[in-house]
Amino acid sequence: MTEYPADNVKDEWEYKILRANRSIFKNPNVFHGVCAEEKRAGWVLVEKFDNMRLRFKRPMSARENDHTLPFDPYRTCYGMGPGALAALILLSVFGSIALVIMALIIFSNHH
């Protein structure tokens, strides 16, 4: 993990970690796109932990422009949020169960 110089931990900087539910930051186009988008809010990449987590910092003075951005500058999730991912998983599970039940009903009616 990155060590912060003493001048970076004073009150003039803020930090955030941007997370994805999949390894989408492995794709260079996505990675550079998200970095460019965060830069519009004043965020600068500090480190890439892995293909799912990025750490950014920005000067607190960048908050002054937050109202002009078309996205939440404090977002911590990129791509599909945890709630949407959970809903997708549940939908897939219940859909699979329904297909198995239908197949069993059809199979039992033919024999």
PDB file of N, CA and C in Angstrom:
ATOM      1  N   MET A   1       0.842  -1.167   0.000  1.00  0.00           N
ATOM      2  CA  MET A   1       0.000   0.000   0.000  1.00  0.00           C
ATOM      3  C   MET A   1       0.896   1.241   0.000  1.00  0.00           C
ATOM      4  N   THR A   2       0.434   2.290  -0.640  1.00  0.00           N
ATOM      5  CA  THR A   2       1.201   3.512  -0.783  1.00  0.00           C
ATOM      6  C   THR A   2       1.316   4.251   0.547  1.00  0.00           C
ATOM      7  N   GLU A   3       2.531   4.679   0.847  1.00  0.00           N
ATOM      8  CA  GLU A   3       2.760   5.545   2.006  1.00  0.00           C
ATOM      9  C   GLU A   3       2.518   6.979   1.557  1.00  0.00           C
ATOM     10  N   TYR A   4       1.939   7.795   2.420  1.00  0.00           N
ATOM     11  CA  TYR A   4       1.658   9.178   2.070  1.00  0.00           C
ATOM     12  C   TYR A   4       2.709  10.101   2.664  1.00  0.00           C
ATOM     13  N   PRO A   5       3.270  10.981   1.830  1.00  0.00           N
ATOM     14  CA  PRO A   5       4.191  11.980   2.371  1.00  0.00           C
ATOM     15  C   PRO A   5       3.453  12.880   3.365  1.00  0.00           C
ATOM     16  N   ALA A   6       4.184  13.429   4.310  1.00  0.00           N
ATOM     17  CA  ALA A   6       3.583  14.256   5.367  1.00  0.00           C
ATOM     18  C   ALA A   6       2.766  15.416   4.800  1.00  0.00           C
ATOM     19  N   ASP A   7       3.205  16.008   3.681  1.00  0.00           N
ATOM     20  CA  ASP A   7       2.461  17.140   3.121  1.00  0.00           C
ATOM     21  C   ASP A   7       1.151  16.709   2.468  1.00  0.00           C
ATOM     22  N   ASN A   8       0.963  15.405   2.203  1.00  0.00           N
ATOM     23  CA  ASN A   8      -0.282  14.926   1.599  1.00  0.00           C
ATOM     24  C   ASN A   8      -1.341  14.540   2.616  1.00  0.00           C
ATOM     25  N   VAL A   9      -0.979  14.407   3.857  1.00  0.00           N
ATOM     26  CA  VAL A   9      -1.971  13.993   4.848  1.00  0.00           C
ATOM     27  C   VAL A   9      -2.496  15.162   5.669  1.00  0.00           C
ATOM     28  N   LYS A  10      -2.080  16.343   5.325  1.00  0.00           N
ATOM     29  CA  LYS A  10      -2.645  17.521   5.971  1.00  0.00           C
ATOM     30  C   LYS A  10      -4.071  17.705   5.482  1.00  0.00           C
ATOM     31  N   ASP A  11      -4.750  18.680   5.994  1.00  0.00           N
ATOM     32  CA  ASP A  11      -6.164  18.887   5.723  1.00  0.00           C
ATOM     33  C   ASP A  11      -6.500  19.282   4.290  1.00  0.00           C
ATOM     34  N   GLU A  12      -5.539  19.551   3.429  1.00  0.00           N
ATOM     35  CA  GLU A  12      -5.892  20.046   2.098  1.00  0.00           C
ATOM     36  C   GLU A  12      -6.159  18.943   1.075  1.00  0.00           C
ATOM     37  N   TRP A  13      -6.027  17.683   1.446  1.00  0.00           N
ATOM     38  CA  TRP A  13      -6.288  16.573   0.531  1.00  0.00           C
ATOM     39  C   TRP A  13      -7.395  15.673   1.066  1.00  0.00           C
ATOM     40  N   GLU A  14      -8.163  15.098   0.136  1.00  0.00           N
ATOM     41  CA  GLU A  14      -9.121  14.062   0.501  1.00  0.00           C
ATOM     42  C   GLU A  14      -8.888  12.871  -0.415  1.00  0.00           C
ATOM     43  N   TYR A  15      -9.262  11.694   0.071  1.00  0.00           N
ATOM     44  CA  TYR A  15      -8.983  10.442  -0.628  1.00  0.00           C
ATOM     45  C   TYR A  15     -10.253   9.623  -0.789  1.00  0.00           C
ATOM     46  N   LYS A  16     -10.266   8.767  -1.784  1.00  0.00           N
ATOM     47  CA  LYS A  16     -11.360   7.809  -1.944  1.00  0.00           C
ATOM     48  C   LYS A  16     -10.849   6.589  -2.683  1.00  0.00           C
ATOM     49  N   ILE A  17     -11.576   5.487  -2.503  1.00  0.00           N
ATOM     50  CA  ILE A  17     -11.306   4.257  -3.242  1.00  0.00           C
ATOM     51  C   ILE A  17     -12.527   3.982  -4.101  1.00  0.00           C
ATOM     52  N   LEU A  18     -12.300   3.784  -5.371  1.00  0.00           N
ATOM     53  CA  LEU A  18     -13.365   3.469  -6.318  1.00  0.00           C
ATOM     54  C   LEU A  18     -13.322   1.969  -6.581  1.00  0.00           C
ATOM     55  N   ARG A  19     -14.465   1.306  -6.362  1.00  0.00           N
ATOM     56  CA  ARG A  19     -14.540  -0.150  -6.491  1.00  0.00           C
ATOM     57  C   ARG A  19     -15.473  -0.564  -7.617  1.00  0.00           C
ATOM     58  N   ALA A  20     -15.161  -1.710  -8.206  1.00  0.00           N
ATOM     59  CA  ALA A  20     -16.030  -2.331  -9.203  1.00  0.00           C
ATOM     60  C   ALA A  20     -16.315  -3.751  -8.724  1.00  0.00           C
ATOM     61  N   ASN A  21     -17.458  -4.312  -9.129  1.00  0.00           N
ATOM     62  CA  ASN A  21     -17.808  -5.672  -8.723  1.00  0.00           C
ATOM     63  C   ASN A  21     -17.146  -6.740  -9.576  1.00  0.00           C
ATOM     64  N   ARG A  22     -16.562  -6.325 -10.668  1.00  0.00           N
ATOM     65  CA  ARG A  22     -15.842  -7.238 -11.557  1.00  0.00           C
ATOM     66  C   ARG A  22     -14.495  -6.619 -11.880  1.00  0.00           C
ATOM     67  N   SER A  23     -13.628  -7.359 -12.506  1.00  0.00           N
ATOM     68  CA  SER A  23     -12.278  -6.871 -12.839  1.00  0.00           C
ATOM     69  C   SER A  23     -12.289  -5.997 -14.090  1.00  0.00           C
ATOM     70  N   ILE A  24     -13.104  -4.958 -14.089  1.00  0.00           N
ATOM     71  CA  ILE A  24     -13.247  -4.139 -15.300  1.00  0.00           C
ATOM     72  C   ILE A  24     -12.096  -3.161 -15.503  1.00  0.00           C
ATOM     73  N   PHE A  25     -11.336  -2.852 -14.456  1.00  0.00           N
ATOM     74  CA  PHE A  25     -10.211  -1.930 -14.618  1.00  0.00           C
ATOM     75  C   PHE A  25      -9.022  -2.601 -15.294  1.00  0.00           C
ATOM     76  N   LYS A  26      -9.146  -3.884 -15.594  1.00  0.00           N
ATOM     77  CA  LYS A  26      -8.135  -4.608 -16.359  1.00  0.00           C
ATOM     78  C   LYS A  26      -8.139  -4.143 -17.812  1.00  0.00           C
ATOM     79  N   ASN A  27      -9.328  -3.745 -18.281  1.00  0.00           N
ATOM     80  CA  ASN A  27      -9.482  -3.242 -19.651  1.00  0.00           C
ATOM     81  C   ASN A  27      -8.888  -1.832 -19.708  1.00  0.00           C
ATOM     82  N   PRO A  28      -7.843  -1.618 -20.517  1.00  0.00           N
ATOM     83  CA  PRO A  28      -7.198  -0.298 -20.569  1.00  0.00           C
ATOM     84  C   PRO A  28      -8.159   0.836 -20.953  1.00  0.00           C
ATOM     85  N   ASN A  29      -9.116   0.556 -21.836  1.00  0.00           N
ATOM     86  CA  ASN A  29     -10.067   1.599 -22.230  1.00  0.00           C
ATOM     87  C   ASN A  29     -10.942   2.022 -21.057  1.00  0.00           C
ATOM     88  N   VAL A  30     -11.414   1.058 -20.285  1.00  0.00           N
ATOM     89  CA  VAL A  30     -12.233   1.370 -19.104  1.00  0.00           C
ATOM     90  C   VAL A  30     -11.382   2.095 -18.069  1.00  0.00           C
ATOM     91  N   PHE A  31     -10.181   1.578 -17.821  1.00  0.00           N
ATOM     92  CA  PHE A  31      -9.287   2.175 -16.824  1.00  0.00           C
ATOM     93  C   PHE A  31      -8.981   3.636 -17.148  1.00  0.00           C
ATOM     94  N   HIS A  32      -8.581   3.904 -18.387  1.00  0.00           N
ATOM     95  CA  HIS A  32      -8.246   5.283 -18.769  1.00  0.00           C
ATOM     96  C   HIS A  32      -9.493   6.165 -18.803  1.00  0.00           C
ATOM     97  N   GLY A  33     -10.628   5.569 -19.188  1.00  0.00           N
ATOM     98  CA  GLY A  33     -11.878   6.330 -19.207  1.00  0.00           C
ATOM     99  C   GLY A  33     -12.313   6.765 -17.823  1.00  0.00           C
ATOM    100  N   VAL A  34     -12.235   5.846 -16.858  1.00  0.00           N
ATOM    101  CA  VAL A  34     -12.639   6.198 -15.491  1.00  0.00           C
ATOM    102  C   VAL A  34     -11.659   7.205 -14.884  1.00  0.00           C
ATOM    103  N   CYS A  35     -10.382   7.067 -15.179  1.00  0.00           N
ATOM    104  CA  CYS A  35      -9.397   8.040 -14.670  1.00  0.00           C
ATOM    105  C   CYS A  35      -9.659   9.429 -15.254  1.00  0.00           C
ATOM    106  N   ALA A  36     -10.001   9.488 -16.534  1.00  0.00           N
ATOM    107  CA  ALA A  36     -10.312  10.777 -17.173  1.00  0.00           C
ATOM    108  C   ALA A  36     -11.571  11.387 -16.570  1.00  0.00           C
ATOM    109  N   GLU A  37     -12.564  10.543 -16.305  1.00  0.00           N
ATOM    110  CA  GLU A  37     -13.803  11.046 -15.710  1.00  0.00           C
ATOM    111  C   GLU A  37     -13.561  11.564 -14.290  1.00  0.00           C
ATOM    112  N   GLU A  38     -12.806  10.831 -13.511  1.00  0.00           N
ATOM    113  CA  GLU A  38     -12.499  11.271 -12.146  1.00  0.00           C
ATOM    114  C   GLU A  38     -11.665  12.557 -12.162  1.00  0.00           C
ATOM    115  N   LYS A  39     -10.813  12.686 -13.158  1.00  0.00           N
ATOM    116  CA  LYS A  39      -9.979  13.896 -13.273  1.00  0.00           C
ATOM    117  C   LYS A  39     -10.842  15.144 -13.434  1.00  0.00           C
ATOM    118  N   ARG A  40     -12.008  14.992 -14.090  1.00  0.00           N
ATOM    119  CA  ARG A  40     -12.919  16.140 -14.243  1.00  0.00           C
ATOM    120  C   ARG A  40     -13.365  16.667 -12.889  1.00  0.00           C
ATOM    121  N   ALA A  41     -13.380  15.794 -11.873  1.00  0.00           N
ATOM    122  CA  ALA A  41     -13.768  16.206 -10.524  1.00  0.00           C
ATOM    123  C   ALA A  41     -12.553  16.579  -9.675  1.00  0.00           C
ATOM    124  N   GLY A  42     -11.371  16.567 -10.297  1.00  0.00           N
ATOM    125  CA  GLY A  42     -10.153  16.938  -9.579  1.00  0.00           C
ATOM    126  C   GLY A  42      -9.419  15.766  -8.951  1.00  0.00           C
ATOM    127  N   TRP A  43      -9.932  14.542  -9.135  1.00  0.00           N
ATOM    128  CA  TRP A  43      -9.302  13.364  -8.547  1.00  0.00           C
ATOM    129  C   TRP A  43      -8.101  12.937  -9.388  1.00  0.00           C
ATOM    130  N   VAL A  44      -7.037  12.563  -8.708  1.00  0.00           N
ATOM    131  CA  VAL A  44      -5.809  12.094  -9.338  1.00  0.00           C
ATOM    132  C   VAL A  44      -5.553  10.675  -8.843  1.00  0.00           C
ATOM    133  N   LEU A  45      -5.221   9.776  -9.754  1.00  0.00           N
ATOM    134  CA  LEU A  45      -4.941   8.394  -9.376  1.00  0.00           C
ATOM    135  C   LEU A  45      -3.701   8.329  -8.494  1.00  0.00           C
ATOM    136  N   VAL A  46      -3.839   7.686  -7.343  1.00  0.00           N
ATOM    137  CA  VAL A  46      -2.705   7.471  -6.451  1.00  0.00           C
ATOM    138  C   VAL A  46      -2.131   6.083  -6.696  1.00  0.00           C
ATOM    139  N   GLU A  47      -3.020   5.084  -6.760  1.00  0.00           N
ATOM    140  CA  GLU A  47      -2.557   3.736  -7.051  1.00  0.00           C
ATOM    141  C   GLU A  47      -3.703   2.851  -7.509  1.00  0.00           C
ATOM    142  N   LYS A  48      -3.318   1.855  -8.272  1.00  0.00           N
ATOM    143  CA  LYS A  48      -4.257   0.818  -8.695  1.00  0.00           C
ATOM    144  C   LYS A  48      -3.958  -0.392  -7.812  1.00  0.00           C
ATOM    145  N   PHE A  49      -4.900  -0.722  -6.916  1.00  0.00           N
ATOM    146  CA  PHE A  49      -4.692  -1.872  -6.043  1.00  0.00           C
ATOM    147  C   PHE A  49      -4.714  -3.161  -6.852  1.00  0.00           C
ATOM    148  N   ASP A  50      -5.753  -3.294  -7.670  1.00  0.00           N
ATOM    149  CA  ASP A  50      -5.943  -4.471  -8.509  1.00  0.00           C
ATOM    150  C   ASP A  50      -6.936  -4.076  -9.598  1.00  0.00           C
ATOM    151  N   ASN A  51      -7.498  -5.029 -10.296  1.00  0.00           N
ATOM    152  CA  ASN A  51      -8.400  -4.708 -11.400  1.00  0.00           C
ATOM    153  C   ASN A  51      -9.817  -4.358 -10.947  1.00  0.00           C
ATOM    154  N   MET A  52     -10.016  -4.251  -9.624  1.00  0.00           N
ATOM    155  CA  MET A  52     -11.330  -3.901  -9.081  1.00  0.00           C
ATOM    156  C   MET A  52     -11.306  -2.680  -8.164  1.00  0.00           C
ATOM    157  N   ARG A  53     -10.118  -2.173  -7.821  1.00  0.00           N
ATOM    158  CA  ARG A  53     -10.040  -1.067  -6.869  1.00  0.00           C
ATOM    159  C   ARG A  53      -8.966  -0.055  -7.266  1.00  0.00           C
ATOM    160  N   LEU A  54      -9.361   1.220  -7.241  1.00  0.00           N
ATOM    161  CA  LEU A  54      -8.451   2.324  -7.548  1.00  0.00           C
ATOM    162  C   LEU A  54      -8.514   3.339  -6.414  1.00  0.00           C
ATOM    163  N   ARG A  55      -7.373   3.900  -6.045  1.00  0.00           N
ATOM    164  CA  ARG A  55      -7.344   4.943  -5.011  1.00  0.00           C
ATOM    165  C   ARG A  55      -7.036   6.287  -5.671  1.00  0.00           C
ATOM    166  N   PHE A  56      -7.829   7.291  -5.307  1.00  0.00           N
ATOM    167  CA  PHE A  56      -7.662   8.645  -5.833  1.00  0.00           C
ATOM    168  C   PHE A  56      -7.495   9.635  -4.691  1.00  0.00           C
ATOM    169  N   LYS A  57      -6.889  10.780  -5.021  1.00  0.00           N
ATOM    170  CA  LYS A  57      -6.831  11.905  -4.085  1.00  0.00           C
ATOM    171  C   LYS A  57      -7.164  13.164  -4.867  1.00  0.00           C
ATOM    172  N   ARG A  58      -7.596  14.193  -4.129  1.00  0.00           N
ATOM    173  CA  ARG A  58      -7.808  15.493  -4.756  1.00  0.00           C
ATOM    174  C   ARG A  58      -7.688  16.570  -3.688  1.00  0.00           C
ATOM    175  N   PRO A  59      -7.341  17.766  -4.114  1.00  0.00           N
ATOM    176  CA  PRO A  59      -7.316  18.867  -3.146  1.00  0.00           C
ATOM    177  C   PRO A  59      -8.742  19.219  -2.747  1.00  0.00           C
ATOM    178  N   MET A  60      -8.930  19.588  -1.514  1.00  0.00           N
ATOM    179  CA  MET A  60     -10.274  19.933  -1.045  1.00  0.00           C
ATOM    180  C   MET A  60     -10.856  21.119  -1.796  1.00  0.00           C
ATOM    181  N   SER A  61     -10.018  21.936  -2.363  1.00  0.00           N
ATOM    182  CA  SER A  61     -10.510  23.089  -3.121  1.00  0.00           C
ATOM    183  C   SER A  61     -11.295  22.658  -4.366  1.00  0.00           C
ATOM    184  N   ALA A  62     -11.098  21.412  -4.822  1.00  0.00           N
ATOM    185  CA  ALA A  62     -11.817  20.918  -6.003  1.00  0.00           C
ATOM    186  C   ALA A  62     -13.312  20.771  -5.741  1.00  0.00           C
ATOM    187  N   ARG A  63     -13.721  20.771  -4.484  1.00  0.00           N
ATOM    188  CA  ARG A  63     -15.143  20.655  -4.136  1.00  0.00           C
ATOM    189  C   ARG A  63     -15.973  21.791  -4.725  1.00  0.00           C
ATOM    190  N   GLU A  64     -15.342  22.923  -4.958  1.00  0.00           N
ATOM    191  CA  GLU A  64     -16.058  24.100  -5.452  1.00  0.00           C
ATOM    192  C   GLU A  64     -16.742  23.844  -6.794  1.00  0.00           C
ATOM    193  N   ASN A  65     -16.227  22.913  -7.580  1.00  0.00           N
ATOM    194  CA  ASN A  65     -16.789  22.628  -8.908  1.00  0.00           C
ATOM    195  C   ASN A  65     -17.714  21.414  -8.922  1.00  0.00           C
ATOM    196  N   ASP A  66     -17.951  20.795  -7.783  1.00  0.00           N
ATOM    197  CA  ASP A  66     -18.758  19.571  -7.737  1.00  0.00           C
ATOM    198  C   ASP A  66     -20.161  19.762  -8.318  1.00  0.00           C
ATOM    199  N   HIS A  67     -20.751  20.932  -8.124  1.00  0.00           N
ATOM    200  CA  HIS A  67     -22.121  21.166  -8.598  1.00  0.00           C
ATOM    201  C   HIS A  67     -22.223  21.177 -10.126  1.00  0.00           C
ATOM    202  N   THR A  68     -21.117  21.306 -10.833  1.00  0.00           N
ATOM    203  CA  THR A  68     -21.134  21.345 -12.297  1.00  0.00           C
ATOM    204  C   THR A  68     -20.977  19.958 -12.932  1.00  0.00           C
ATOM    205  N   LEU A  69     -20.723  18.936 -12.123  1.00  0.00           N
ATOM    206  CA  LEU A  69     -20.438  17.605 -12.656  1.00  0.00           C
ATOM    207  C   LEU A  69     -21.709  16.806 -12.920  1.00  0.00           C
ATOM    208  N   PRO A  70     -21.710  15.988 -13.982  1.00  0.00           N
ATOM    209  CA  PRO A  70     -22.878  15.155 -14.283  1.00  0.00           C
ATOM    210  C   PRO A  70     -22.876  13.831 -13.506  1.00  0.00           C
ATOM    211  N   PHE A  71     -21.948  13.655 -12.564  1.00  0.00           N
ATOM    212  CA  PHE A  71     -21.870  12.444 -11.753  1.00  0.00           C
ATOM    213  C   PHE A  71     -21.478  12.828 -10.328  1.00  0.00           C
ATOM    214  N   ASP A  72     -21.662  11.900  -9.405  1.00  0.00           N
ATOM    215  CA  ASP A  72     -21.319  12.124  -8.004  1.00  0.00           C
ATOM    216  C   ASP A  72     -19.808  12.015  -7.839  1.00  0.00           C
ATOM    217  N   PRO A  73     -19.120  13.098  -7.485  1.00  0.00           N
ATOM    218  CA  PRO A  73     -17.670  13.041  -7.351  1.00  0.00           C
ATOM    219  C   PRO A  73     -17.212  12.176  -6.173  1.00  0.00           C
ATOM    220  N   TYR A  74     -18.139  11.834  -5.285  1.00  0.00           N
ATOM    221  CA  TYR A  74     -17.797  10.994  -4.136  1.00  0.00           C
ATOM    222  C   TYR A  74     -18.233   9.545  -4.316  1.00  0.00           C
ATOM    223  N   ARG A  75     -18.600   9.169  -5.535  1.00  0.00           N
ATOM    224  CA  ARG A  75     -19.006   7.785  -5.767  1.00  0.00           C
ATOM    225  C   ARG A  75     -17.851   6.860  -5.398  1.00  0.00           C
ATOM    226  N   THR A  76     -18.214   5.710  -4.885  1.00  0.00           N
ATOM    227  CA  THR A  76     -17.203   4.716  -4.533  1.00  0.00           C
ATOM    228  C   THR A  76     -17.413   3.414  -5.302  1.00  0.00           C
ATOM    229  N   CYS A  77     -18.507   3.329  -6.061  1.00  0.00           N
ATOM    230  CA  CYS A  77     -18.785   2.156  -6.893  1.00  0.00           C
ATOM    231  C   CYS A  77     -18.784   2.586  -8.349  1.00  0.00           C
ATOM    232  N   TYR A  78     -18.168   1.789  -9.191  1.00  0.00           N
ATOM    233  CA  TYR A  78     -18.149   2.059 -10.619  1.00  0.00           C
ATOM    234  C   TYR A  78     -18.780   0.874 -11.325  1.00  0.00           C
ATOM    235  N   GLY A  79     -19.657   1.148 -12.255  1.00  0.00           N
ATOM    236  CA  GLY A  79     -20.350   0.070 -12.953  1.00  0.00           C
ATOM    237  C   GLY A  79     -21.569  -0.352 -12.160  1.00  0.00           C
ATOM    238  N   MET A  80     -21.864  -1.618 -12.191  1.00  0.00           N
ATOM    239  CA  MET A  80     -23.035  -2.143 -11.511  1.00  0.00           C
ATOM    240  C   MET A  80     -22.826  -2.068  -9.997  1.00  0.00           C
ATOM    241  N   GLY A  81     -23.774  -1.448  -9.305  1.00  0.00           N
ATOM    242  CA  GLY A  81     -23.694  -1.333  -7.857  1.00  0.00           C
ATOM    243  C   GLY A  81     -23.980  -2.659  -7.174  1.00  0.00           C
ATOM    244  N   PRO A  82     -23.674  -2.762  -5.879  1.00  0.00           N
ATOM    245  CA  PRO A  82     -23.875  -4.012  -5.164  1.00  0.00           C
ATOM    246  C   PRO A  82     -25.335  -4.473  -5.144  1.00  0.00           C
ATOM    247  N   GLY A  83     -26.279  -3.554  -5.034  1.00  0.00           N
ATOM    248  CA  GLY A  83     -27.693  -3.919  -5.029  1.00  0.00           C
ATOM    249  C   GLY A  83     -28.136  -4.503  -6.357  1.00  0.00           C
ATOM    250  N   ALA A  84     -27.701  -3.881  -7.441  1.00  0.00           N
ATOM    251  CA  ALA A  84     -28.052  -4.381  -8.773  1.00  0.00           C
ATOM    252  C   ALA A  84     -27.414  -5.740  -9.018  1.00  0.00           C
ATOM    253  N   LEU A  85     -26.188  -5.933  -8.552  1.00  0.00           N
ATOM    254  CA  LEU A  85     -25.526  -7.224  -8.714  1.00  0.00           C
ATOM    255  C   LEU A  85     -26.279  -8.304  -7.940  1.00  0.00           C
ATOM    256  N   ALA A  86     -26.680  -8.004  -6.707  1.00  0.00           N
ATOM    257  CA  ALA A  86     -27.441  -8.970  -5.904  1.00  0.00           C
ATOM    258  C   ALA A  86     -28.765  -9.313  -6.593  1.00  0.00           C
ATOM    259  N   ALA A  87     -29.450  -8.311  -7.136  1.00  0.00           N
ATOM    260  CA  ALA A  87     -30.717  -8.543  -7.827  1.00  0.00           C
ATOM    261  C   ALA A  87     -30.495  -9.426  -9.067  1.00  0.00           C
ATOM    262  N   LEU A  88     -29.435  -9.184  -9.793  1.00  0.00           N
ATOM    263  CA  LEU A  88     -29.126  -9.987 -10.976  1.00  0.00           C
ATOM    264  C   LEU A  88     -28.853 -11.442 -10.596  1.00  0.00           C
ATOM    265  N   ILE A  89     -28.111 -11.643  -9.525  1.00  0.00           N
ATOM    266  CA  ILE A  89     -27.815 -13.007  -9.067  1.00  0.00           C
ATOM    267  C   ILE A  89     -29.098 -13.717  -8.642  1.00  0.00           C
ATOM    268  N   LEU A  90     -29.924 -13.032  -7.854  1.00  0.00           N
ATOM    269  CA  LEU A  90     -31.192 -13.635  -7.417  1.00  0.00           C
ATOM    270  C   LEU A  90     -32.102 -13.949  -8.597  1.00  0.00           C
ATOM    271  N   LEU A  91     -32.188 -13.027  -9.535  1.00  0.00           N
ATOM    272  CA  LEU A  91     -32.997 -13.257 -10.724  1.00  0.00           C
ATOM    273  C   LEU A  91     -32.496 -14.472 -11.503  1.00  0.00           C
ATOM    274  N   SER A  92     -31.193 -14.607 -11.621  1.00  0.00           N
ATOM    275  CA  SER A  92     -30.610 -15.756 -12.323  1.00  0.00           C
ATOM    276  C   SER A  92     -30.916 -17.067 -11.601  1.00  0.00           C
ATOM    277  N   VAL A  93     -30.783 -17.067 -10.284  1.00  0.00           N
ATOM    278  CA  VAL A  93     -31.048 -18.279  -9.499  1.00  0.00           C
ATOM    279  C   VAL A  93     -32.512 -18.682  -9.622  1.00  0.00           C
ATOM    280  N   PHE A  94     -33.421 -17.722  -9.379  1.00  0.00           N
ATOM    281  CA  PHE A  94     -34.844 -18.042  -9.444  1.00  0.00           C
ATOM    282  C   PHE A  94     -35.282 -18.390 -10.866  1.00  0.00           C
ATOM    283  N   GLY A  95     -34.696 -17.765 -11.854  1.00  0.00           N
ATOM    284  CA  GLY A  95     -34.996 -18.102 -13.244  1.00  0.00           C
ATOM    285  C   GLY A  95     -34.562 -19.522 -13.571  1.00  0.00           C
ATOM    286  N   SER A  96     -33.390 -19.902 -13.084  1.00  0.00           N
ATOM    287  CA  SER A  96     -32.897 -21.270 -13.314  1.00  0.00           C
ATOM    288  C   SER A  96     -33.791 -22.291 -12.625  1.00  0.00           C
ATOM    289  N   ILE A  97     -34.215 -21.994 -11.407  1.00  0.00           N
ATOM    290  CA  ILE A  97     -35.112 -22.897 -10.676  1.00  0.00           C
ATOM    291  C   ILE A  97     -36.431 -23.041 -11.431  1.00  0.00           C
ATOM    292  N   ALA A  98     -36.958 -21.938 -11.932  1.00  0.00           N
ATOM    293  CA  ALA A  98     -38.224 -21.985 -12.682  1.00  0.00           C
ATOM    294  C   ALA A  98     -38.074 -22.837 -13.939  1.00  0.00           C
ATOM    295  N   LEU A  99     -36.947 -22.719 -14.638  1.00  0.00           N
ATOM    296  CA  LEU A  99     -36.714 -23.532 -15.840  1.00  0.00           C
ATOM    297  C   LEU A  99     -36.635 -25.015 -15.509  1.00  0.00           C
ATOM    298  N   VAL A 100     -35.975 -25.350 -14.404  1.00  0.00           N
ATOM    299  CA  VAL A 100     -35.874 -26.755 -14.001  1.00  0.00           C
ATOM    300  C   VAL A 100     -37.256 -27.300 -13.653  1.00  0.00           C
ATOM    301  N   ILE A 101     -38.058 -26.532 -12.916  1.00  0.00           N
ATOM    302  CA  ILE A 101     -39.416 -26.966 -12.556  1.00  0.00           C
ATOM    303  C   ILE A 101     -40.260 -27.167 -13.812  1.00  0.00           C
ATOM    304  N   MET A 102     -40.176 -26.226 -14.742  1.00  0.00           N
ATOM    305  CA  MET A 102     -40.941 -26.365 -15.991  1.00  0.00           C
ATOM    306  C   MET A 102     -40.506 -27.598 -16.771  1.00  0.00           C
ATOM    307  N   ALA A 103     -39.204 -27.849 -16.823  1.00  0.00           N
ATOM    308  CA  ALA A 103     -38.701 -29.022 -17.537  1.00  0.00           C
ATOM    309  C   ALA A 103     -39.186 -30.305 -16.870  1.00  0.00           C
ATOM    310  N   LEU A 104     -39.208 -30.332 -15.540  1.00  0.00           N
ATOM    311  CA  LEU A 104     -39.686 -31.513 -14.820  1.00  0.00           C
ATOM    312  C   LEU A 104     -41.178 -31.743 -15.075  1.00  0.00           C
ATOM    313  N   ILE A 105     -41.952 -30.664 -15.101  1.00  0.00           N
ATOM    314  CA  ILE A 105     -43.390 -30.781 -15.370  1.00  0.00           C
ATOM    315  C   ILE A 105     -43.621 -31.302 -16.788  1.00  0.00           C
ATOM    316  N   ILE A 106     -42.917 -30.765 -17.742  1.00  0.00           N
ATOM    317  CA  ILE A 106     -43.076 -31.202 -19.133  1.00  0.00           C
ATOM    318  C   ILE A 106     -42.645 -32.657 -19.287  1.00  0.00           C
ATOM    319  N   PHE A 107     -41.500 -32.999 -18.668  1.00  0.00           N
ATOM    320  CA  PHE A 107     -40.996 -34.367 -18.753  1.00  0.00           C
ATOM    321  C   PHE A 107     -41.961 -35.350 -18.101  1.00  0.00           C
ATOM    322  N   SER A 108     -42.527 -35.012 -16.934  1.00  0.00           N
ATOM    323  CA  SER A 108     -43.444 -35.924 -16.238  1.00  0.00           C
ATOM    324  C   SER A 108     -44.777 -36.065 -16.986  1.00  0.00           C
ATOM    325  N   ASN A 109     -45.207 -35.064 -17.730  1.00  0.00           N
ATOM    326  CA  ASN A 109     -46.442 -35.145 -18.496  1.00  0.00           C
ATOM    327  C   ASN A 109     -46.295 -36.004 -19.764  1.00  0.00           C
ATOM    328  N   HIS A 110     -45.075 -36.158 -20.224  1.00  0.00           N
ATOM    329  CA  HIS A 110     -44.836 -36.965 -21.423  1.00  0.00           C
ATOM    330  C   HIS A 110     -44.559 -38.429 -21.095  1.00  0.00           C
ATOM    331  N   HIS A 111     -44.444 -38.780 -19.846  1.00  0.00           N
ATOM    332  CA  HIS A 111     -44.166 -40.178 -19.474  1.00  0.00           C
ATOM    333  C   HIS A 111     -45.207 -40.724 -18.585  1.00  0.00           C
TER     334      HIS A 111
END
